[in-house]
Amino acid sequence: WAFRYSHNPAYSGDPERWRTMVFTTLCLAQMGHAIAARSSSRLTLNVPAGSNPYIWASVLGTILLQLMLLYIPALRNFFGTYALSFQELLICFGFSSFVFIWVEGEKLFTQFQREQSKQG
């Protein structure tokens, strides 16, 4: 999607910006996975937020570092990234959230299966 978006004739930015969007989406997706994987059976909302403060520090730190790669010119030049617009950043957050939603959905499906096997 990002490739087609950045290569659309109506797009006014650099056509290589898609690489930064994919890189950012993958980074954020891994952070969503880390949060969801704190428990293999309980939904994230059912896991106490303070149960592992190190994971939250790691996730927030990683997101901060990713944003630094995008918006600090020296880092952006060194790593060959582009400053994403707010809309592009929201798109990255949106697509990356699919991993979190998938993992949480797997937990719900597993819970449903367990309930069905207990009843049957």
N, C-alpha and C. Protein backbone atom coordinates (compact mmCIF):
# COMPACT_ATOMS: atom_id res chain seq x y z
N TRP A 1 0.82 -1.18 0.00
CA TRP A 1 0.00 0.00 0.00
C TRP A 1 0.87 1.25 0.00
N ALA A 2 1.88 1.28 0.85
CA ALA A 2 2.73 2.46 0.96
C ALA A 2 3.47 2.73 -0.35
N PHE A 3 3.88 1.67 -1.03
CA PHE A 3 4.56 1.85 -2.32
C PHE A 3 3.63 2.52 -3.32
N ARG A 4 2.41 1.98 -3.43
CA ARG A 4 1.44 2.57 -4.37
C ARG A 4 1.11 4.01 -3.96
N TYR A 5 0.98 4.25 -2.66
CA TYR A 5 0.66 5.58 -2.14
C TYR A 5 1.74 6.58 -2.56
N SER A 6 3.00 6.22 -2.36
CA SER A 6 4.09 7.16 -2.64
C SER A 6 4.44 7.26 -4.13
N HIS A 7 3.95 6.33 -4.93
CA HIS A 7 4.20 6.39 -6.37
C HIS A 7 2.98 6.87 -7.16
N ASN A 8 1.96 7.31 -6.47
CA ASN A 8 0.78 7.87 -7.11
C ASN A 8 1.17 9.21 -7.74
N PRO A 9 0.77 9.48 -8.97
CA PRO A 9 1.12 10.76 -9.61
C PRO A 9 0.66 11.99 -8.83
N ALA A 10 -0.39 11.86 -8.04
CA ALA A 10 -0.88 13.00 -7.25
C ALA A 10 -0.05 13.24 -5.99
N TYR A 11 0.83 12.30 -5.63
CA TYR A 11 1.64 12.42 -4.42
C TYR A 11 2.78 13.40 -4.66
N SER A 12 2.96 14.33 -3.75
CA SER A 12 3.96 15.38 -3.95
C SER A 12 5.27 15.13 -3.22
N GLY A 13 5.35 14.08 -2.39
CA GLY A 13 6.57 13.79 -1.63
C GLY A 13 7.54 12.92 -2.41
N ASP A 14 8.60 12.53 -1.76
CA ASP A 14 9.61 11.66 -2.36
C ASP A 14 9.03 10.26 -2.52
N PRO A 15 9.14 9.66 -3.70
CA PRO A 15 8.56 8.33 -3.90
C PRO A 15 9.23 7.24 -3.07
N GLU A 16 10.41 7.51 -2.53
CA GLU A 16 11.08 6.50 -1.69
C GLU A 16 10.61 6.55 -0.23
N ARG A 17 9.69 7.43 0.07
CA ARG A 17 9.16 7.57 1.43
C ARG A 17 8.48 6.29 1.90
N TRP A 18 8.01 5.47 0.98
CA TRP A 18 7.31 4.23 1.33
C TRP A 18 8.18 3.34 2.20
N ARG A 19 9.49 3.35 1.99
CA ARG A 19 10.39 2.50 2.78
C ARG A 19 10.36 2.90 4.26
N THR A 20 10.33 4.19 4.51
CA THR A 20 10.26 4.67 5.89
C THR A 20 8.92 4.28 6.51
N MET A 21 7.86 4.33 5.72
CA MET A 21 6.55 3.94 6.25
C MET A 21 6.53 2.46 6.61
N VAL A 22 7.10 1.63 5.77
CA VAL A 22 7.13 0.18 6.05
C VAL A 22 8.01 -0.09 7.27
N PHE A 23 9.17 0.53 7.33
CA PHE A 23 10.07 0.36 8.47
C PHE A 23 9.39 0.77 9.77
N THR A 24 8.72 1.91 9.75
CA THR A 24 8.03 2.40 10.95
C THR A 24 6.88 1.48 11.33
N THR A 25 6.13 1.00 10.35
CA THR A 25 5.02 0.09 10.62
C THR A 25 5.52 -1.20 11.24
N LEU A 26 6.62 -1.75 10.73
CA LEU A 26 7.17 -2.98 11.31
C LEU A 26 7.66 -2.77 12.74
N CYS A 27 8.30 -1.64 12.99
CA CYS A 27 8.76 -1.34 14.34
C CYS A 27 7.59 -1.24 15.30
N LEU A 28 6.56 -0.49 14.91
CA LEU A 28 5.40 -0.32 15.78
C LEU A 28 4.63 -1.63 15.96
N ALA A 29 4.57 -2.44 14.90
CA ALA A 29 3.89 -3.73 15.00
C ALA A 29 4.58 -4.62 16.04
N GLN A 30 5.89 -4.59 16.07
CA GLN A 30 6.62 -5.39 17.06
C GLN A 30 6.34 -4.90 18.47
N MET A 31 6.15 -3.59 18.63
CA MET A 31 5.83 -3.06 19.96
C MET A 31 4.43 -3.50 20.39
N GLY A 32 3.50 -3.50 19.46
CA GLY A 32 2.15 -4.00 19.75
C GLY A 32 2.18 -5.47 20.11
N HIS A 33 3.01 -6.23 19.41
CA HIS A 33 3.14 -7.65 19.71
C HIS A 33 3.73 -7.85 21.10
N ALA A 34 4.72 -7.06 21.45
CA ALA A 34 5.34 -7.18 22.78
C ALA A 34 4.32 -6.92 23.88
N ILE A 35 3.46 -5.94 23.68
CA ILE A 35 2.44 -5.63 24.68
C ILE A 35 1.42 -6.76 24.76
N ALA A 36 0.98 -7.25 23.61
CA ALA A 36 -0.03 -8.32 23.59
C ALA A 36 0.52 -9.64 24.11
N ALA A 37 1.80 -9.87 23.93
CA ALA A 37 2.40 -11.15 24.31
C ALA A 37 2.79 -11.22 25.79
N ARG A 38 2.44 -10.22 26.56
CA ARG A 38 2.73 -10.29 28.00
C ARG A 38 2.04 -11.46 28.65
N SER A 39 0.93 -11.89 28.08
CA SER A 39 0.23 -13.08 28.55
C SER A 39 -0.23 -13.85 27.33
N SER A 40 -0.08 -15.17 27.38
CA SER A 40 -0.51 -15.99 26.23
C SER A 40 -1.99 -16.35 26.31
N SER A 41 -2.62 -16.10 27.46
CA SER A 41 -4.02 -16.50 27.60
C SER A 41 -4.95 -15.36 28.01
N ARG A 42 -4.44 -14.39 28.76
CA ARG A 42 -5.29 -13.29 29.21
C ARG A 42 -5.19 -12.11 28.25
N LEU A 43 -6.33 -11.46 28.02
CA LEU A 43 -6.33 -10.27 27.19
C LEU A 43 -5.50 -9.17 27.84
N THR A 44 -4.93 -8.32 27.02
CA THR A 44 -4.07 -7.25 27.53
C THR A 44 -4.78 -6.39 28.56
N LEU A 45 -6.07 -6.13 28.34
CA LEU A 45 -6.83 -5.32 29.30
C LEU A 45 -6.98 -6.01 30.65
N ASN A 46 -6.83 -7.33 30.68
CA ASN A 46 -6.96 -8.09 31.93
C ASN A 46 -5.64 -8.33 32.64
N VAL A 47 -4.55 -7.87 32.04
CA VAL A 47 -3.23 -7.99 32.66
C VAL A 47 -2.92 -6.67 33.34
N PRO A 48 -2.61 -6.68 34.63
CA PRO A 48 -2.32 -5.42 35.32
C PRO A 48 -1.20 -4.64 34.62
N ALA A 49 -1.43 -3.37 34.38
CA ALA A 49 -0.47 -2.54 33.64
C ALA A 49 0.89 -2.50 34.32
N GLY A 50 0.92 -2.56 35.64
CA GLY A 50 2.18 -2.49 36.36
C GLY A 50 2.86 -3.82 36.55
N SER A 51 2.32 -4.89 35.96
CA SER A 51 2.89 -6.22 36.18
C SER A 51 4.29 -6.35 35.58
N ASN A 52 4.60 -5.60 34.56
CA ASN A 52 5.94 -5.63 33.97
C ASN A 52 6.29 -4.23 33.47
N PRO A 53 6.79 -3.39 34.36
CA PRO A 53 7.10 -2.01 33.94
C PRO A 53 8.24 -1.96 32.93
N TYR A 54 9.07 -2.99 32.89
CA TYR A 54 10.19 -2.99 31.94
C TYR A 54 9.72 -3.10 30.50
N ILE A 55 8.65 -3.83 30.27
CA ILE A 55 8.13 -3.94 28.90
C ILE A 55 7.59 -2.59 28.44
N TRP A 56 6.90 -1.89 29.35
CA TRP A 56 6.38 -0.56 28.98
C TRP A 56 7.52 0.41 28.71
N ALA A 57 8.56 0.37 29.53
CA ALA A 57 9.72 1.24 29.32
C ALA A 57 10.40 0.92 27.99
N SER A 58 10.50 -0.37 27.68
CA SER A 58 11.12 -0.79 26.42
C SER A 58 10.29 -0.35 25.22
N VAL A 59 8.99 -0.54 25.31
CA VAL A 59 8.11 -0.16 24.20
C VAL A 59 8.13 1.35 23.99
N LEU A 60 7.97 2.11 25.06
CA LEU A 60 7.99 3.57 24.92
C LEU A 60 9.34 4.07 24.45
N GLY A 61 10.41 3.46 24.95
CA GLY A 61 11.76 3.84 24.52
C GLY A 61 11.99 3.55 23.05
N THR A 62 11.51 2.41 22.60
CA THR A 62 11.67 2.04 21.19
C THR A 62 10.87 2.97 20.29
N ILE A 63 9.65 3.30 20.69
CA ILE A 63 8.84 4.22 19.90
C ILE A 63 9.52 5.60 19.85
N LEU A 64 10.05 6.04 20.97
CA LEU A 64 10.76 7.32 20.99
C LEU A 64 11.97 7.28 20.06
N LEU A 65 12.74 6.20 20.10
CA LEU A 65 13.90 6.08 19.21
C LEU A 65 13.47 6.08 17.74
N GLN A 66 12.38 5.39 17.44
CA GLN A 66 11.88 5.37 16.06
C GLN A 66 11.49 6.77 15.61
N LEU A 67 10.82 7.51 16.48
CA LEU A 67 10.43 8.88 16.13
C LEU A 67 11.66 9.77 15.95
N MET A 68 12.69 9.53 16.75
CA MET A 68 13.93 10.28 16.60
C MET A 68 14.56 10.02 15.23
N LEU A 69 14.49 8.76 14.77
CA LEU A 69 15.03 8.42 13.45
C LEU A 69 14.30 9.16 12.33
N LEU A 70 13.05 9.51 12.59
CA LEU A 70 12.25 10.17 11.57
C LEU A 70 12.36 11.69 11.61
N TYR A 71 12.54 12.26 12.79
CA TYR A 71 12.40 13.70 12.92
C TYR A 71 13.65 14.46 13.35
N ILE A 72 14.73 13.77 13.67
CA ILE A 72 15.99 14.45 13.96
C ILE A 72 16.84 14.38 12.68
N PRO A 73 17.12 15.53 12.08
CA PRO A 73 17.78 15.54 10.77
C PRO A 73 19.08 14.71 10.69
N ALA A 74 19.94 14.78 11.69
CA ALA A 74 21.20 14.03 11.62
C ALA A 74 20.94 12.52 11.58
N LEU A 75 20.01 12.05 12.42
CA LEU A 75 19.68 10.62 12.41
C LEU A 75 18.96 10.23 11.13
N ARG A 76 18.08 11.10 10.67
CA ARG A 76 17.34 10.84 9.44
C ARG A 76 18.31 10.71 8.25
N ASN A 77 19.30 11.59 8.18
CA ASN A 77 20.28 11.51 7.10
C ASN A 77 21.14 10.27 7.21
N PHE A 78 21.58 9.93 8.42
CA PHE A 78 22.44 8.77 8.61
C PHE A 78 21.72 7.47 8.25
N PHE A 79 20.46 7.34 8.67
CA PHE A 79 19.71 6.10 8.45
C PHE A 79 18.91 6.11 7.14
N GLY A 80 18.88 7.23 6.46
CA GLY A 80 18.19 7.30 5.18
C GLY A 80 16.68 7.23 5.30
N THR A 81 16.15 7.77 6.38
CA THR A 81 14.70 7.78 6.57
C THR A 81 14.15 9.14 6.15
N TYR A 82 12.85 9.25 6.15
CA TYR A 82 12.16 10.49 5.79
C TYR A 82 11.26 10.91 6.94
N ALA A 83 11.07 12.21 7.08
CA ALA A 83 10.13 12.72 8.07
C ALA A 83 8.72 12.47 7.53
N LEU A 84 7.96 11.66 8.24
CA LEU A 84 6.60 11.35 7.81
C LEU A 84 5.64 12.45 8.26
N SER A 85 4.62 12.67 7.47
CA SER A 85 3.59 13.62 7.87
C SER A 85 2.77 12.98 8.99
N PHE A 86 1.98 13.78 9.66
CA PHE A 86 1.14 13.25 10.73
C PHE A 86 0.20 12.18 10.20
N GLN A 87 -0.36 12.42 9.02
CA GLN A 87 -1.27 11.45 8.40
C GLN A 87 -0.53 10.13 8.10
N GLU A 88 0.67 10.23 7.57
CA GLU A 88 1.45 9.02 7.26
C GLU A 88 1.80 8.26 8.53
N LEU A 89 2.12 8.99 9.58
CA LEU A 89 2.43 8.35 10.86
C LEU A 89 1.20 7.64 11.41
N LEU A 90 0.04 8.26 11.30
CA LEU A 90 -1.20 7.62 11.74
C LEU A 90 -1.49 6.36 10.94
N ILE A 91 -1.19 6.39 9.65
CA ILE A 91 -1.37 5.20 8.81
C ILE A 91 -0.46 4.08 9.30
N CYS A 92 0.78 4.41 9.65
CA CYS A 92 1.71 3.41 10.18
C CYS A 92 1.19 2.82 11.49
N PHE A 93 0.69 3.67 12.38
CA PHE A 93 0.12 3.18 13.65
C PHE A 93 -1.09 2.29 13.37
N GLY A 94 -1.91 2.70 12.41
CA GLY A 94 -3.10 1.92 12.09
C GLY A 94 -2.77 0.54 11.56
N PHE A 95 -1.89 0.46 10.57
CA PHE A 95 -1.53 -0.84 10.02
C PHE A 95 -0.79 -1.71 11.04
N SER A 96 0.04 -1.08 11.85
CA SER A 96 0.79 -1.87 12.85
C SER A 96 -0.12 -2.43 13.93
N SER A 97 -1.26 -1.78 14.16
CA SER A 97 -2.17 -2.28 15.20
C SER A 97 -2.80 -3.62 14.84
N PHE A 98 -2.75 -4.00 13.56
CA PHE A 98 -3.31 -5.29 13.15
C PHE A 98 -2.64 -6.46 13.86
N VAL A 99 -1.36 -6.34 14.14
CA VAL A 99 -0.65 -7.42 14.84
C VAL A 99 -1.20 -7.57 16.25
N PHE A 100 -1.36 -6.45 16.95
CA PHE A 100 -1.92 -6.47 18.30
C PHE A 100 -3.32 -7.08 18.28
N ILE A 101 -4.14 -6.62 17.35
CA ILE A 101 -5.52 -7.12 17.24
C ILE A 101 -5.52 -8.61 16.94
N TRP A 102 -4.62 -9.07 16.07
CA TRP A 102 -4.55 -10.49 15.73
C TRP A 102 -4.22 -11.34 16.96
N VAL A 103 -3.22 -10.92 17.72
CA VAL A 103 -2.81 -11.69 18.90
C VAL A 103 -3.94 -11.72 19.93
N GLU A 104 -4.60 -10.59 20.13
CA GLU A 104 -5.72 -10.55 21.06
C GLU A 104 -6.87 -11.42 20.56
N GLY A 105 -7.09 -11.43 19.24
CA GLY A 105 -8.12 -12.28 18.66
C GLY A 105 -7.82 -13.76 18.84
N GLU A 106 -6.55 -14.13 18.74
CA GLU A 106 -6.16 -15.52 18.99
C GLU A 106 -6.49 -15.93 20.42
N LYS A 107 -6.25 -15.02 21.35
CA LYS A 107 -6.56 -15.31 22.75
C LYS A 107 -8.07 -15.52 22.94
N LEU A 108 -8.86 -14.65 22.32
CA LEU A 108 -10.32 -14.80 22.42
C LEU A 108 -10.78 -16.11 21.79
N PHE A 109 -10.21 -16.46 20.65
CA PHE A 109 -10.57 -17.70 19.98
C PHE A 109 -10.21 -18.91 20.85
N THR A 110 -9.04 -18.88 21.47
CA THR A 110 -8.60 -19.97 22.35
C THR A 110 -9.52 -20.07 23.56
N GLN A 111 -9.88 -18.93 24.14
CA GLN A 111 -10.80 -18.94 25.28
C GLN A 111 -12.16 -19.52 24.87
N PHE A 112 -12.63 -19.14 23.70
CA PHE A 112 -13.90 -19.65 23.20
C PHE A 112 -13.83 -21.17 23.01
N GLN A 113 -12.75 -21.66 22.44
CA GLN A 113 -12.58 -23.09 22.24
C GLN A 113 -12.55 -23.85 23.58
N ARG A 114 -11.88 -23.29 24.56
CA ARG A 114 -11.82 -23.93 25.88
C ARG A 114 -13.21 -24.03 26.50
N GLU A 115 -13.97 -22.95 26.39
CA GLU A 115 -15.33 -22.93 26.92
C GLU A 115 -16.20 -23.97 26.20
N GLN A 116 -16.05 -24.08 24.92
CA GLN A 116 -16.82 -25.04 24.16
C GLN A 116 -16.46 -26.49 24.51
N SER A 117 -15.17 -26.72 24.75
CA SER A 117 -14.75 -28.09 25.11
C SER A 117 -15.21 -28.46 26.51
N LYS A 118 -15.31 -27.48 27.40
CA LYS A 118 -15.82 -27.75 28.75
C LYS A 118 -17.30 -28.09 28.72
N GLN A 119 -18.03 -27.43 27.83
CA GLN A 119 -19.48 -27.66 27.74
C GLN A 119 -19.80 -28.94 26.98
N GLY A 120 -18.92 -29.33 26.08
CA GLY A 120 -19.23 -30.48 25.23
C GLY A 120 -18.64 -31.71 25.73
